[in-house]
Amino acid sequence: MQFLRRTGLVLLWLAAPLLAFAAANKNDPYLVPLRGAGNIALVAASIMIVILLLRRGRWRTIAGKLLVMFWCLPPVLMSAAHLKYELRKNEVLGASAAEARQLGPHFMVGYSSFPEVARLARLGLIGGIYVTRHNIRGRTVEALRAEIEALQDVRRAAGLPPLVVAADQEGGIVGHLAPPLTKVPALATLAGLAPDEQQAKAEEFGRIHGRELAGLGVNLNLAPVLDLKPPQRRNRLDFHTLIGQRAIATDPSVVSTIASAYVRGLEESGVGATLKHFPGIGRVRTDTHHFSANLDTPVRELETTDWLPFREVLSHSRSALMVGHVTLTAVDPDRATSHSKRVVDGIIRETWGYQGMVMTDDLVMGAIYQNDVCKAVVEAINAGVDMLLVAYDGAQFYRVFACALEGSRQGGLDAAMLHASAARLERGFPTEQARAASGAIHLVETSPSRTGGSPARGETRIRSR
């Protein structure tokens, strides 16, 4: 019995700092499972343990007093974290109409609470929403469709442009709305077919996704994946990127053929495609959901391999381009592509001439969020990124938007970049209104880029009509 009591006491000493840490960081994305009922359970457990320690007379000794104080910390730290969150939220919700008009269109947010996201939509603090499995779990397609329509009604009533409504339906292991939507095989399953069959099947997959997403009210699909399939197994700790299962093929021409056909099928229903994850993560072994990652391949080699599918599909579609949180060390060794002006403005805009919508991968991913997220947000906007995605944990929107708000108020945002981005978004939203005003993308001759050097002979640029 004495041994059990001592063991229990040791466990209490070990558990106290862990729970205190969890309480102080209750709003961290890694602790999403503790939100709501988990937070209540943590506070209730702390209070019960304090009462138990007091009844056992632990307060009489110095060590006992310290232990009781440790177990008093979780409720206090959780209250402080919640207060900080509410203050930041109120700051964002209190942004002026001018600030909302300037910054709001550049943010896309995932959500769990309809009233909360409806308020953001009405105030113009967001330009898009991201729907995923928790938005459809336990519900009918009709219920989610009505919810999306209601949000678009909120926008119309407020005199604001329609929301971009995005989903993540790649096929295969990534189909966050399937079921109840149709579960389509991965595009990689088509790589072994003859070219004609590849195109026919891929276009069919695109039509299925496009028809069902458009019927739901979704107008942008975060697909297809254009990263080249890695020739070797990735890091054993890669639990989320799993690009080996999501990439189409190792051959750029096969990727281009299949992806182009898929995008055609998708666009037939008025749903836009998103090509991802530039500059490519097939060669990267680190999972950017959790860690920073470097792509050390020379640009000349990437241009003739990994980047061929991106340029080919962009040249024949209205697709958006998603930039990932991989650092292209040959161009900008100090920051990830998602907030690198040398890459976004230098390569994508200037060298390639692409003037469509560029969006970030989820800013809640560890490669960005665990570093200086405020610096990344400001740099992304100044780099010419059009849409900043906050998908996995929508509650982080307030932190991310507050970063942009602070940057704006301190004069840290590039007005010319914001103006150019606003123009791109206005003509590039994949909605009925925007489709009527926007055309396809075509290739034109290039000129030397601002970032130095002349393009190779025969190189082309991609531009929106």
Protein backbone atom coordinates (compact mmCIF):
# COMPACT_ATOMS: atom_id res chain seq x y z
CA MET A 1 0.00 0.00 0.00
CA GLN A 2 2.84 2.37 0.87
CA PHE A 3 4.40 1.62 -2.53
CA LEU A 4 1.16 2.45 -4.32
CA ARG A 5 0.81 5.74 -2.47
CA ARG A 6 4.37 6.73 -3.33
CA THR A 7 3.86 5.76 -6.96
CA GLY A 8 0.67 7.83 -7.09
CA LEU A 9 2.49 10.79 -5.59
CA VAL A 10 5.29 10.54 -8.17
CA LEU A 11 2.72 10.40 -10.96
CA LEU A 12 1.04 13.52 -9.61
CA TRP A 13 4.38 15.36 -9.62
CA LEU A 14 5.02 14.25 -13.20
CA ALA A 15 1.52 14.99 -14.47
CA ALA A 16 1.21 18.48 -12.96
CA PRO A 17 3.67 20.26 -15.31
CA LEU A 18 2.30 18.38 -18.33
CA LEU A 19 -1.24 19.49 -17.62
CA ALA A 20 -0.05 23.02 -16.86
CA PHE A 21 1.73 23.10 -20.23
CA ALA A 22 -1.39 21.81 -22.01
CA ALA A 23 -3.53 24.41 -20.27
CA ALA A 24 -1.20 27.29 -21.15
CA ASN A 25 -1.18 26.16 -24.80
CA LYS A 26 -4.85 25.23 -25.09
CA ASN A 27 -5.18 27.10 -28.37
CA ASP A 28 -2.25 25.35 -30.07
CA PRO A 29 -3.22 23.36 -33.21
CA TYR A 30 -1.59 20.24 -31.79
CA LEU A 31 -4.07 20.33 -28.90
CA VAL A 32 -7.23 20.57 -30.99
CA PRO A 33 -8.50 17.21 -29.55
CA LEU A 34 -8.52 18.84 -26.09
CA ARG A 35 -10.81 21.68 -27.14
CA GLY A 36 -14.25 21.90 -25.60
CA ALA A 37 -14.94 18.83 -23.47
CA GLY A 38 -11.22 18.11 -23.15
CA ASN A 39 -10.55 21.52 -21.63
CA ILE A 40 -13.44 21.10 -19.20
CA ALA A 41 -12.17 17.65 -18.19
CA LEU A 42 -8.65 19.03 -17.62
CA VAL A 43 -9.92 21.80 -15.32
CA ALA A 44 -12.27 19.44 -13.47
CA ALA A 45 -9.42 16.95 -12.93
CA SER A 46 -7.16 19.70 -11.58
CA ILE A 47 -9.78 20.90 -9.11
CA MET A 48 -10.58 17.36 -7.93
CA ILE A 49 -6.89 16.59 -7.36
CA VAL A 50 -6.41 19.82 -5.39
CA ILE A 51 -9.39 18.92 -3.18
CA LEU A 52 -8.02 15.39 -2.71
CA LEU A 53 -4.56 16.67 -1.75
CA LEU A 54 -6.07 19.10 0.76
CA ARG A 55 -8.21 16.38 2.33
CA ARG A 56 -5.17 14.14 2.63
CA GLY A 57 -3.37 16.88 4.55
CA ARG A 58 -0.69 17.48 1.91
CA TRP A 59 -0.88 21.22 2.59
CA ARG A 60 0.97 20.72 5.89
CA THR A 61 4.39 20.12 4.30
CA ILE A 62 6.42 22.38 2.01
CA ALA A 63 6.50 19.71 -0.71
CA GLY A 64 2.75 19.23 -0.33
CA LYS A 65 2.12 22.95 -0.65
CA LEU A 66 4.18 23.04 -3.85
CA LEU A 67 2.25 20.10 -5.26
CA VAL A 68 -1.10 21.74 -4.48
CA MET A 69 0.09 24.96 -6.11
CA PHE A 70 1.21 23.07 -9.20
CA TRP A 71 -2.25 21.56 -9.55
CA CYS A 72 -3.84 24.99 -9.15
CA LEU A 73 -1.94 26.20 -12.21
CA PRO A 74 -3.89 24.49 -15.05
CA PRO A 75 -7.18 26.38 -14.50
CA VAL A 76 -5.30 29.68 -14.08
CA LEU A 77 -3.13 29.17 -17.16
CA MET A 78 -6.09 28.01 -19.23
CA SER A 79 -8.06 31.11 -18.25
CA ALA A 80 -5.12 33.31 -19.24
CA ALA A 81 -4.80 31.55 -22.62
CA HIS A 82 -8.51 31.92 -23.25
CA LEU A 83 -8.41 35.61 -22.34
CA LYS A 84 -5.52 36.16 -24.77
CA TYR A 85 -7.48 34.38 -27.50
CA GLU A 86 -10.62 36.46 -26.85
CA LEU A 87 -8.68 39.73 -26.87
CA ARG A 88 -7.09 38.85 -30.21
CA LYS A 89 -10.46 37.76 -31.59
CA ASN A 90 -12.08 41.03 -30.51
CA GLU A 91 -9.23 42.97 -32.11
CA VAL A 92 -9.82 41.21 -35.44
CA LEU A 93 -13.61 41.55 -35.27
CA GLY A 94 -13.13 45.23 -34.45
CA ALA A 95 -11.12 45.91 -37.62
CA SER A 96 -12.43 48.85 -39.62
CA ALA A 97 -14.42 48.36 -42.81
CA ALA A 98 -11.45 49.70 -44.81
CA GLU A 99 -9.09 47.18 -43.19
CA ALA A 100 -11.55 44.36 -43.82
CA ARG A 101 -11.90 45.32 -47.50
CA GLN A 102 -8.13 45.48 -47.89
CA LEU A 103 -7.15 42.27 -46.07
CA GLY A 104 -10.24 40.06 -45.87
CA PRO A 105 -10.30 38.86 -49.50
CA HIS A 106 -6.86 37.29 -48.98
CA PHE A 107 -7.92 34.77 -46.34
CA MET A 108 -9.58 31.37 -46.66
CA VAL A 109 -10.63 29.66 -43.45
CA GLY A 110 -11.78 26.22 -42.34
CA TYR A 111 -14.56 26.31 -39.78
CA SER A 112 -16.58 24.32 -37.27
CA SER A 113 -19.05 26.98 -36.11
CA PHE A 114 -21.49 28.28 -38.71
CA PRO A 115 -22.48 31.42 -36.73
CA GLU A 116 -18.81 32.31 -36.30
CA VAL A 117 -17.86 31.91 -39.96
CA ALA A 118 -21.06 33.68 -41.02
CA ARG A 119 -19.97 36.66 -38.94
CA LEU A 120 -16.54 36.67 -40.62
CA ALA A 121 -18.22 36.45 -44.03
CA ARG A 122 -20.62 39.32 -43.24
CA LEU A 123 -17.83 41.58 -41.99
CA GLY A 124 -15.71 40.87 -45.06
CA LEU A 125 -12.86 39.45 -42.97
CA ILE A 126 -12.53 36.39 -45.21
CA GLY A 127 -12.62 35.80 -48.95
CA GLY A 128 -13.15 32.05 -48.85
CA ILE A 129 -14.04 29.01 -46.79
CA TYR A 130 -12.65 25.48 -46.75
CA VAL A 131 -15.02 22.57 -46.14
CA THR A 132 -13.76 19.18 -45.05
CA ARG A 133 -14.80 15.96 -43.35
CA HIS A 134 -15.97 17.46 -40.05
CA ASN A 135 -18.34 19.76 -41.96
CA ILE A 136 -20.12 16.76 -43.51
CA ARG A 137 -19.73 14.12 -40.77
CA GLY A 138 -23.13 12.97 -39.53
CA ARG A 139 -24.91 15.31 -41.94
CA THR A 140 -26.54 15.10 -45.32
CA VAL A 141 -25.23 16.64 -48.52
CA GLU A 142 -28.36 18.78 -48.58
CA ALA A 143 -27.58 20.22 -45.14
CA LEU A 144 -24.05 21.27 -46.15
CA ARG A 145 -25.31 22.65 -49.46
CA ALA A 146 -27.89 24.77 -47.60
CA GLU A 147 -25.17 26.00 -45.21
CA ILE A 148 -22.92 27.09 -48.08
CA GLU A 149 -25.86 28.79 -49.81
CA ALA A 150 -26.68 30.59 -46.56
CA LEU A 151 -23.10 31.91 -46.36
CA GLN A 152 -23.31 33.16 -49.95
CA ASP A 153 -26.62 34.85 -49.07
CA VAL A 154 -24.84 36.58 -46.18
CA ARG A 155 -22.25 37.89 -48.64
CA ARG A 156 -24.89 39.16 -51.06
CA ALA A 157 -26.79 40.90 -48.28
CA ALA A 158 -23.55 42.59 -47.19
CA GLY A 159 -22.81 43.70 -50.76
CA LEU A 160 -19.65 41.58 -50.89
CA PRO A 161 -18.30 39.27 -53.63
CA PRO A 162 -19.17 35.55 -53.41
CA LEU A 163 -16.95 33.41 -51.24
CA VAL A 164 -14.46 31.05 -52.78
CA VAL A 165 -15.58 27.67 -51.43
CA ALA A 166 -12.79 25.08 -51.47
CA ALA A 167 -12.63 21.36 -50.80
CA ASP A 168 -9.87 18.75 -50.93
CA GLN A 169 -10.99 15.99 -53.31
CA GLU A 170 -7.86 14.53 -54.90
CA GLY A 171 -9.09 10.95 -55.11
CA GLY A 172 -7.45 7.96 -53.44
CA ILE A 173 -6.45 8.55 -49.83
CA VAL A 174 -7.41 12.24 -49.95
CA GLY A 175 -11.12 12.69 -50.48
CA HIS A 176 -12.32 14.59 -47.44
CA LEU A 177 -15.95 14.75 -48.56
CA ALA A 178 -16.12 11.13 -49.70
CA PRO A 179 -18.37 9.67 -48.47
CA PRO A 180 -21.04 10.90 -48.96
CA LEU A 181 -19.56 12.12 -52.26
CA THR A 182 -18.24 9.49 -54.66
CA LYS A 183 -14.92 7.95 -53.66
CA VAL A 184 -12.76 8.25 -56.80
CA PRO A 185 -9.51 6.27 -57.22
CA ALA A 186 -6.20 8.11 -57.08
CA LEU A 187 -5.01 9.56 -60.40
CA ALA A 188 -1.88 7.46 -59.91
CA THR A 189 -3.94 4.37 -60.78
CA LEU A 190 -4.11 5.66 -64.37
CA ALA A 191 -0.34 5.95 -64.90
CA GLY A 192 0.00 2.46 -66.41
CA LEU A 193 -2.71 2.94 -69.04
CA ALA A 194 -2.24 3.97 -72.66
CA PRO A 195 -2.22 7.78 -73.16
CA ASP A 196 -5.73 7.86 -74.68
CA GLU A 197 -7.12 5.82 -71.78
CA GLN A 198 -5.26 7.99 -69.29
CA GLN A 199 -6.91 11.10 -70.64
CA ALA A 200 -10.39 9.59 -70.90
CA LYS A 201 -10.35 8.18 -67.38
CA ALA A 202 -8.76 11.28 -65.82
CA GLU A 203 -11.33 13.51 -67.50
CA GLU A 204 -14.08 11.25 -66.19
CA PHE A 205 -12.68 11.51 -62.65
CA GLY A 206 -12.59 15.28 -63.04
CA ARG A 207 -16.20 15.38 -64.24
CA ILE A 208 -17.33 13.30 -61.26
CA HIS A 209 -15.57 15.58 -58.81
CA GLY A 210 -16.68 18.73 -60.64
CA ARG A 211 -20.33 17.72 -60.91
CA GLU A 212 -20.62 16.72 -57.25
CA LEU A 213 -18.63 19.66 -55.85
CA ALA A 214 -20.54 22.19 -57.97
CA GLY A 215 -23.81 20.67 -56.79
CA LEU A 216 -22.65 21.20 -53.22
CA GLY A 217 -21.70 24.83 -53.83
CA VAL A 218 -17.94 24.24 -53.89
CA ASN A 219 -16.18 26.21 -56.64
CA LEU A 220 -12.49 25.37 -56.05
CA ASN A 221 -10.95 21.94 -55.64
CA LEU A 222 -7.51 21.71 -54.01
CA ALA A 223 -6.36 19.20 -56.61
CA PRO A 224 -4.61 17.77 -58.55
CA VAL A 225 -1.22 16.96 -57.02
CA LEU A 226 1.54 17.62 -59.57
CA ASP A 227 4.54 16.69 -57.41
CA LEU A 228 6.57 13.92 -59.02
CA LYS A 229 6.30 10.57 -57.30
CA PRO A 230 9.44 10.01 -55.19
CA PRO A 231 11.66 7.18 -56.44
CA GLN A 232 12.42 6.05 -52.89
CA ARG A 233 10.52 5.67 -49.65
CA ARG A 234 10.20 8.87 -47.65
CA ASN A 235 11.01 9.42 -43.99
CA ARG A 236 9.37 6.86 -41.70
CA LEU A 237 8.01 9.80 -39.67
CA ASP A 238 6.01 11.07 -42.65
CA PHE A 239 2.48 10.37 -41.43
CA HIS A 240 0.62 13.14 -43.25
CA THR A 241 2.24 14.22 -46.53
CA LEU A 242 2.31 10.67 -47.95
CA ILE A 243 3.19 12.05 -51.36
CA GLY A 244 4.23 8.63 -52.62
CA GLN A 245 0.56 7.59 -52.48
CA ARG A 246 -0.79 10.89 -53.81
CA ALA A 247 1.57 11.78 -56.66
CA ILE A 248 0.59 10.59 -60.13
CA ALA A 249 3.89 9.34 -61.56
CA THR A 250 7.65 9.83 -61.74
CA ASP A 251 7.48 10.85 -65.43
CA PRO A 252 6.61 14.56 -65.88
CA SER A 253 4.90 13.95 -69.22
CA VAL A 254 2.59 11.32 -67.70
CA VAL A 255 1.75 13.69 -64.84
CA SER A 256 1.00 16.49 -67.34
CA THR A 257 -1.22 14.28 -69.51
CA ILE A 258 -3.32 12.92 -66.66
CA ALA A 259 -3.54 16.17 -64.71
CA SER A 260 -4.51 18.23 -67.77
CA ALA A 261 -7.35 15.84 -68.57
CA TYR A 262 -8.51 15.81 -64.94
CA VAL A 263 -8.58 19.63 -64.85
CA ARG A 264 -10.60 19.73 -68.10
CA GLY A 265 -13.20 17.48 -66.56
CA LEU A 266 -13.28 19.51 -63.38
CA GLU A 267 -13.66 22.84 -65.19
CA GLU A 268 -16.57 21.54 -67.29
CA SER A 269 -18.73 21.93 -64.19
CA GLY A 270 -17.36 25.37 -63.36
CA VAL A 271 -15.11 24.14 -60.55
CA GLY A 272 -11.56 25.48 -60.54
CA ALA A 273 -8.48 23.32 -59.99
CA THR A 274 -5.52 24.02 -57.70
CA LEU A 275 -2.13 22.69 -58.78
CA LYS A 276 0.00 21.67 -55.81
CA HIS A 277 2.48 21.74 -54.10
CA PHE A 278 4.91 24.07 -55.92
CA PRO A 279 7.96 23.94 -55.98
CA GLY A 280 7.39 20.21 -55.47
CA ILE A 281 7.72 17.92 -52.49
CA GLY A 282 8.51 14.67 -54.27
CA ARG A 283 12.22 15.15 -53.58
CA VAL A 284 11.70 16.32 -49.99
CA ARG A 285 11.84 13.74 -47.21
CA THR A 286 10.63 15.94 -44.35
CA ASP A 287 6.91 16.24 -43.54
CA THR A 288 6.10 19.96 -43.63
CA HIS A 289 3.00 19.34 -41.53
CA HIS A 290 5.45 19.32 -38.63
CA PHE A 291 8.95 20.39 -39.71
CA SER A 292 10.77 22.82 -41.99
CA ALA A 293 12.03 21.27 -45.22
CA ASN A 294 14.61 22.16 -47.87
CA LEU A 295 14.56 21.47 -51.60
CA ASP A 296 18.22 21.60 -52.62
CA THR A 297 17.83 20.73 -56.32
CA PRO A 298 19.19 23.33 -58.80
CA VAL A 299 16.54 25.43 -60.57
CA ARG A 300 17.76 24.37 -64.03
CA GLU A 301 17.10 20.72 -63.15
CA LEU A 302 13.67 21.49 -61.65
CA GLU A 303 12.68 23.41 -64.79
CA THR A 304 13.27 20.32 -66.91
CA THR A 305 11.63 17.84 -64.52
CA ASP A 306 9.46 18.70 -61.51
CA TRP A 307 8.16 22.01 -62.86
CA LEU A 308 7.16 20.81 -66.32
CA PRO A 309 3.70 19.58 -65.24
CA PHE A 310 2.97 22.85 -63.42
CA ARG A 311 3.80 24.95 -66.48
CA GLU A 312 2.03 22.63 -68.89
CA VAL A 313 -1.25 22.48 -66.96
CA LEU A 314 -1.21 26.22 -66.17
CA SER A 315 -0.81 26.94 -69.89
CA HIS A 316 -4.12 25.23 -70.75
CA SER A 317 -6.37 25.96 -67.78
CA ARG A 318 -7.64 28.55 -65.31
CA SER A 319 -6.05 26.69 -62.42
CA ALA A 320 -4.88 28.28 -59.20
CA LEU A 321 -1.39 27.44 -57.93
CA MET A 322 -0.69 26.34 -54.35
CA VAL A 323 2.78 27.13 -52.97
CA GLY A 324 4.08 24.82 -50.26
CA HIS A 325 6.19 25.40 -47.17
CA VAL A 326 9.37 24.01 -48.75
CA THR A 327 12.47 26.20 -48.88
CA LEU A 328 13.92 26.41 -52.41
CA THR A 329 17.50 26.84 -51.26
CA ALA A 330 18.95 27.76 -54.67
CA VAL A 331 16.67 30.81 -54.87
CA ASP A 332 15.82 31.84 -51.30
CA PRO A 333 17.56 29.84 -48.56
CA ASP A 334 16.08 31.99 -45.79
CA ARG A 335 12.35 31.40 -46.17
CA ALA A 336 9.83 28.88 -47.45
CA THR A 337 8.36 29.26 -50.93
CA SER A 338 4.97 30.15 -49.44
CA HIS A 339 6.33 33.53 -48.33
CA SER A 340 9.31 34.04 -50.64
CA LYS A 341 9.15 37.06 -52.94
CA ARG A 342 12.08 35.73 -54.93
CA VAL A 343 10.07 32.63 -55.79
CA VAL A 344 6.48 33.92 -56.01
CA ASP A 345 7.12 37.29 -57.63
CA GLY A 346 10.45 36.40 -59.21
CA ILE A 347 9.85 32.95 -60.71
CA ILE A 348 6.07 32.46 -60.81
CA ARG A 349 5.02 35.99 -61.73
CA GLU A 350 8.01 37.34 -63.65
CA THR A 351 9.86 34.40 -65.23
CA TRP A 352 6.73 32.33 -65.86
CA GLY A 353 4.40 35.29 -66.33
CA TYR A 354 1.60 33.55 -64.43
CA GLN A 355 -1.04 36.05 -63.30
CA GLY A 356 -3.61 33.69 -61.84
CA MET A 357 -4.36 33.02 -58.19
CA VAL A 358 -1.52 31.83 -55.97
CA MET A 359 -2.46 30.47 -52.56
CA THR A 360 -0.47 29.07 -49.66
CA ASP A 361 -0.69 25.61 -48.25
CA ASP A 362 -2.26 25.54 -44.80
CA LEU A 363 -0.54 28.09 -42.54
CA VAL A 364 -1.37 25.90 -39.55
CA MET A 365 1.26 23.38 -40.69
CA GLY A 366 4.28 23.13 -38.42
CA ALA A 367 6.80 24.35 -41.00
CA ILE A 368 5.19 27.80 -40.73
CA TYR A 369 3.17 27.86 -37.54
CA GLN A 370 5.97 26.70 -35.26
CA ASN A 371 8.23 29.46 -36.59
CA ASP A 372 7.50 33.18 -36.92
CA VAL A 373 4.01 32.98 -38.39
CA CYS A 374 3.48 36.76 -38.31
CA LYS A 375 6.62 37.34 -40.37
CA ALA A 376 5.47 34.65 -42.83
CA VAL A 377 2.01 36.23 -43.22
CA VAL A 378 3.39 39.70 -43.99
CA GLU A 379 6.06 38.30 -46.33
CA ALA A 380 3.52 36.14 -48.17
CA ILE A 381 1.30 39.14 -48.91
CA ASN A 382 4.30 41.22 -49.97
CA ALA A 383 5.51 38.36 -52.17
CA GLY A 384 2.30 38.48 -54.22
CA VAL A 385 0.46 35.51 -52.68
CA ASP A 386 -3.26 36.08 -53.21
CA MET A 387 -4.92 33.73 -50.73
CA LEU A 388 -3.65 32.60 -47.32
CA LEU A 389 -5.16 29.30 -46.21
CA VAL A 390 -6.02 28.51 -42.58
CA ALA A 391 -7.58 25.08 -42.93
CA TYR A 392 -6.86 22.47 -40.24
CA ASP A 393 -7.65 24.68 -37.23
CA GLY A 394 -9.91 27.58 -38.14
CA ALA A 395 -9.46 29.11 -34.69
CA GLN A 396 -5.96 30.14 -35.77
CA PHE A 397 -7.52 32.57 -38.23
CA TYR A 398 -7.63 35.26 -35.56
CA ARG A 399 -3.91 34.93 -34.89
CA VAL A 400 -3.03 34.93 -38.59
CA PHE A 401 -5.33 37.82 -39.47
CA ALA A 402 -4.02 39.81 -36.49
CA CYS A 403 -0.54 39.44 -37.99
CA ALA A 404 -1.72 41.00 -41.25
CA LEU A 405 -3.62 43.68 -39.36
CA GLU A 406 -0.54 44.62 -37.37
CA GLY A 407 1.57 44.65 -40.53
CA SER A 408 -0.92 46.95 -42.22
CA ARG A 409 -1.13 49.36 -39.28
CA GLN A 410 2.65 49.56 -39.02
CA GLY A 411 3.06 50.21 -42.75
CA GLY A 412 4.69 46.85 -43.35
CA LEU A 413 2.46 45.75 -46.24
CA ASP A 414 3.28 46.54 -49.87
CA ALA A 415 0.34 48.59 -51.20
CA ALA A 416 1.25 47.87 -54.83
CA MET A 417 1.31 44.11 -54.19
CA LEU A 418 -2.04 44.26 -52.39
CA HIS A 419 -3.58 46.22 -55.27
CA ALA A 420 -2.27 43.79 -57.90
CA SER A 421 -3.45 40.83 -55.83
CA ALA A 422 -6.92 42.34 -55.40
CA ALA A 423 -7.19 42.68 -59.17
CA ARG A 424 -6.17 39.05 -59.69
CA LEU A 425 -8.71 37.83 -57.14
CA GLU A 426 -11.48 39.93 -58.66
CA ARG A 427 -11.00 38.35 -62.08
CA GLY A 428 -9.88 34.94 -60.89
CA PHE A 429 -12.56 33.71 -58.47
CA PRO A 430 -13.92 30.42 -59.85
CA THR A 431 -17.54 31.56 -59.55
CA GLU A 432 -20.19 32.12 -62.21
CA GLN A 433 -19.54 35.87 -62.15
CA ALA A 434 -15.78 35.48 -62.48
CA ARG A 435 -15.95 32.77 -65.13
CA ALA A 436 -17.88 35.12 -67.34
CA ALA A 437 -15.13 37.71 -67.04
CA SER A 438 -12.05 35.50 -67.15
CA GLY A 439 -10.55 33.53 -69.96
CA ALA A 440 -8.16 30.66 -70.33
CA ILE A 441 -4.42 30.94 -69.88
CA HIS A 442 -2.16 31.00 -72.90
CA LEU A 443 1.54 31.08 -73.60
CA VAL A 444 3.38 34.16 -74.85
CA GLU A 445 7.01 34.99 -75.39
CA THR A 446 9.00 35.90 -72.33
CA SER A 447 11.28 38.78 -71.48
CA PRO A 448 14.15 38.91 -68.99
CA SER A 449 12.93 38.73 -65.39
CA ARG A 450 13.45 41.35 -62.73
CA THR A 451 15.24 38.79 -60.62
CA GLY A 452 18.18 38.69 -62.99
CA GLY A 453 19.30 36.75 -66.03
CA SER A 454 17.52 36.00 -69.25
CA PRO A 455 15.35 32.94 -69.73
CA ALA A 456 16.64 30.05 -71.73
CA ARG A 457 16.08 30.09 -75.48
CA GLY A 458 12.56 29.06 -76.34
CA GLU A 459 11.28 29.56 -72.76
CA THR A 460 7.67 30.70 -72.51
CA ARG A 461 5.61 32.70 -70.08
CA ILE A 462 2.16 31.97 -68.73
CA ARG A 463 -0.34 34.78 -68.60
CA SER A 464 -4.07 35.16 -67.93
CA ARG A 465 -6.17 36.63 -70.70
